Amino acid sequence: MIDYFERKLRFEDMEVWDLRIGKDIYRLFIVDENRASEIKDLNLPSNVRVFEEDLKENLITVKVYSDKQVKTEHIELIDQFSKQITDHVALAHCQVVLSFFTGKIDDVLEDILKNMYNIEFEKIPLKHLLHLNQD
């Protein structure tokens, strides 16, 4: 069971969420890649056969970061949460791909903001933080 969740940021093509399950904290980066999914995006073993018609018109990636390896029993909870968050999009036409990483979640947030938007979290203008969407 997820004990706590909070949306940290909401841009037009990315949302950032923090989840707490017990004592473990996970940061989710839900990104609309604005492109069709490709077989390589699915992170499947090489022996799994995927047909082009199984790919979707749009790719949404969910990158989950935590300070330590994700607990096996948390994977399904995080997967279900990310599907609930992305349920408002046309999922019949979107591929949602979940990946797990380890790293300092605050550092990862700064890196992603810098790489995607060329901004620092602390320098996001207050006028952007007063609304549902920070764009």
Protein backbone atom coordinates (compact mmCIF):
# COMPACT_ATOMS: atom_id res chain seq x y z
CA MET A 1 0.00 0.00 0.00
CA ILE A 2 1.25 3.47 -0.87
CA ASP A 3 1.42 5.49 2.33
CA TYR A 4 1.92 8.91 0.79
CA PHE A 5 2.18 10.51 -2.63
CA GLU A 6 2.78 14.07 -3.77
CA ARG A 7 3.08 15.67 -7.18
CA LYS A 8 6.23 17.80 -7.15
CA LEU A 9 6.02 19.31 -10.64
CA ARG A 10 3.69 19.27 -13.60
CA PHE A 11 4.94 20.45 -16.97
CA GLU A 12 3.16 19.99 -20.27
CA ASP A 13 5.16 16.88 -21.12
CA MET A 14 6.40 15.70 -17.70
CA GLU A 15 5.10 15.15 -14.18
CA VAL A 16 7.26 14.43 -11.14
CA TRP A 17 5.79 12.50 -8.21
CA ASP A 18 7.15 11.32 -4.87
CA LEU A 19 5.79 8.10 -3.37
CA ARG A 20 6.40 6.67 0.07
CA ILE A 21 5.83 3.01 0.72
CA GLY A 22 6.75 2.24 4.31
CA LYS A 23 10.14 3.87 4.83
CA ASP A 24 11.07 3.76 1.13
CA ILE A 25 10.78 6.86 -1.05
CA TYR A 26 10.51 6.74 -4.83
CA ARG A 27 10.53 9.62 -7.29
CA LEU A 28 8.63 9.08 -10.54
CA PHE A 29 9.32 11.02 -13.72
CA ILE A 30 6.38 10.52 -16.07
CA VAL A 31 7.44 11.83 -19.47
CA ASP A 32 5.47 12.12 -22.69
CA GLU A 33 8.19 11.41 -25.24
CA ASN A 34 6.01 12.86 -28.04
CA ARG A 35 6.91 10.09 -30.47
CA ALA A 36 5.80 6.63 -31.45
CA SER A 37 7.10 3.73 -29.40
CA GLU A 38 9.80 1.49 -30.85
CA ILE A 39 10.67 -2.10 -30.02
CA LYS A 40 13.86 -1.00 -28.23
CA ASP A 41 11.77 1.18 -25.85
CA LEU A 42 10.02 -1.85 -24.38
CA ASN A 43 13.12 -3.16 -22.53
CA LEU A 44 12.23 -6.76 -23.35
CA PRO A 45 14.61 -9.72 -23.48
CA SER A 46 15.93 -10.40 -26.98
CA ASN A 47 14.02 -13.70 -27.26
CA VAL A 48 10.62 -11.98 -26.87
CA ARG A 49 8.91 -11.40 -30.20
CA VAL A 50 7.11 -8.06 -30.70
CA PHE A 51 5.19 -7.14 -33.80
CA GLU A 52 5.18 -3.64 -35.25
CA GLU A 53 1.38 -3.52 -34.99
CA ASP A 54 1.71 -3.96 -31.21
CA LEU A 55 3.54 -0.64 -30.93
CA LYS A 56 1.59 2.52 -30.11
CA GLU A 57 1.42 6.02 -31.60
CA ASN A 58 2.83 7.69 -28.49
CA LEU A 59 5.41 6.69 -25.88
CA ILE A 60 5.13 7.63 -22.21
CA THR A 61 8.08 6.66 -20.04
CA VAL A 62 7.91 6.32 -16.28
CA LYS A 63 11.38 6.45 -14.75
CA VAL A 64 11.41 5.54 -11.07
CA TYR A 65 14.39 6.57 -8.95
CA SER A 66 15.21 5.63 -5.38
CA ASP A 67 18.29 5.83 -3.19
CA LYS A 68 18.42 2.04 -3.09
CA GLN A 69 17.16 -0.84 -5.23
CA VAL A 70 13.38 -1.01 -5.54
CA LYS A 71 11.82 -3.71 -3.39
CA THR A 72 10.19 -6.47 -5.42
CA GLU A 73 6.93 -6.11 -3.50
CA HIS A 74 6.77 -2.40 -4.43
CA ILE A 75 7.03 -2.86 -8.21
CA GLU A 76 3.36 -3.73 -8.74
CA LEU A 77 2.20 -0.85 -6.49
CA ILE A 78 4.33 1.65 -8.41
CA ASP A 79 3.19 0.21 -11.73
CA GLN A 80 -0.48 0.54 -10.75
CA PHE A 81 0.05 4.09 -9.48
CA SER A 82 1.71 5.16 -12.74
CA LYS A 83 -1.16 3.64 -14.73
CA GLN A 84 -3.69 5.54 -12.62
CA ILE A 85 -1.78 8.80 -13.16
CA THR A 86 -1.60 8.26 -16.94
CA ASP A 87 -5.18 6.99 -17.23
CA HIS A 88 -6.38 10.37 -18.52
CA VAL A 89 -4.42 10.02 -21.76
CA ALA A 90 -5.62 7.93 -24.69
CA LEU A 91 -3.99 4.76 -23.39
CA ALA A 92 -5.26 2.72 -26.32
CA HIS A 93 -2.85 4.80 -28.39
CA CYS A 94 -0.04 5.15 -25.82
CA GLN A 95 2.67 2.78 -24.71
CA VAL A 96 3.57 3.28 -21.01
CA VAL A 97 7.02 1.90 -20.19
CA LEU A 98 8.23 1.67 -16.58
CA SER A 99 11.96 1.58 -15.67
CA PHE A 100 13.72 1.56 -12.29
CA PHE A 101 17.00 3.29 -11.38
CA THR A 102 18.99 4.05 -8.26
CA GLY A 103 20.39 7.45 -7.46
CA LYS A 104 19.95 10.42 -5.18
CA ILE A 105 16.46 11.58 -6.09
CA ASP A 106 17.13 15.28 -5.54
CA ASP A 107 20.22 15.16 -7.77
CA VAL A 108 18.27 13.31 -10.45
CA LEU A 109 15.54 15.96 -10.35
CA GLU A 110 18.11 18.73 -10.86
CA ASP A 111 19.78 16.82 -13.72
CA ILE A 112 16.51 16.15 -15.54
CA LEU A 113 15.28 19.74 -15.14
CA LYS A 114 18.60 21.03 -16.44
CA ASN A 115 18.68 18.61 -19.41
CA MET A 116 15.02 18.90 -20.44
CA TYR A 117 14.18 22.52 -19.58
CA ASN A 118 17.50 24.23 -18.83
CA ILE A 119 16.23 25.36 -15.40
CA GLU A 120 17.04 24.67 -11.76
CA PHE A 121 14.31 23.66 -9.34
CA GLU A 122 15.06 26.50 -6.94
CA LYS A 123 14.94 29.00 -9.80
CA ILE A 124 11.51 28.08 -11.16
CA PRO A 125 9.65 31.40 -11.00
CA LEU A 126 7.00 31.54 -8.29
CA LYS A 127 4.39 32.56 -10.87
CA HIS A 128 4.77 29.08 -12.42
CA LEU A 129 4.35 27.30 -9.09
CA LEU A 130 1.04 29.00 -8.30
CA HIS A 131 -0.83 26.96 -10.94
CA LEU A 132 -1.59 23.31 -11.62
CA ASN A 133 0.78 23.33 -14.56
CA GLN A 134 4.29 24.75 -14.03
CA ASP A 135 4.85 25.61 -17.71
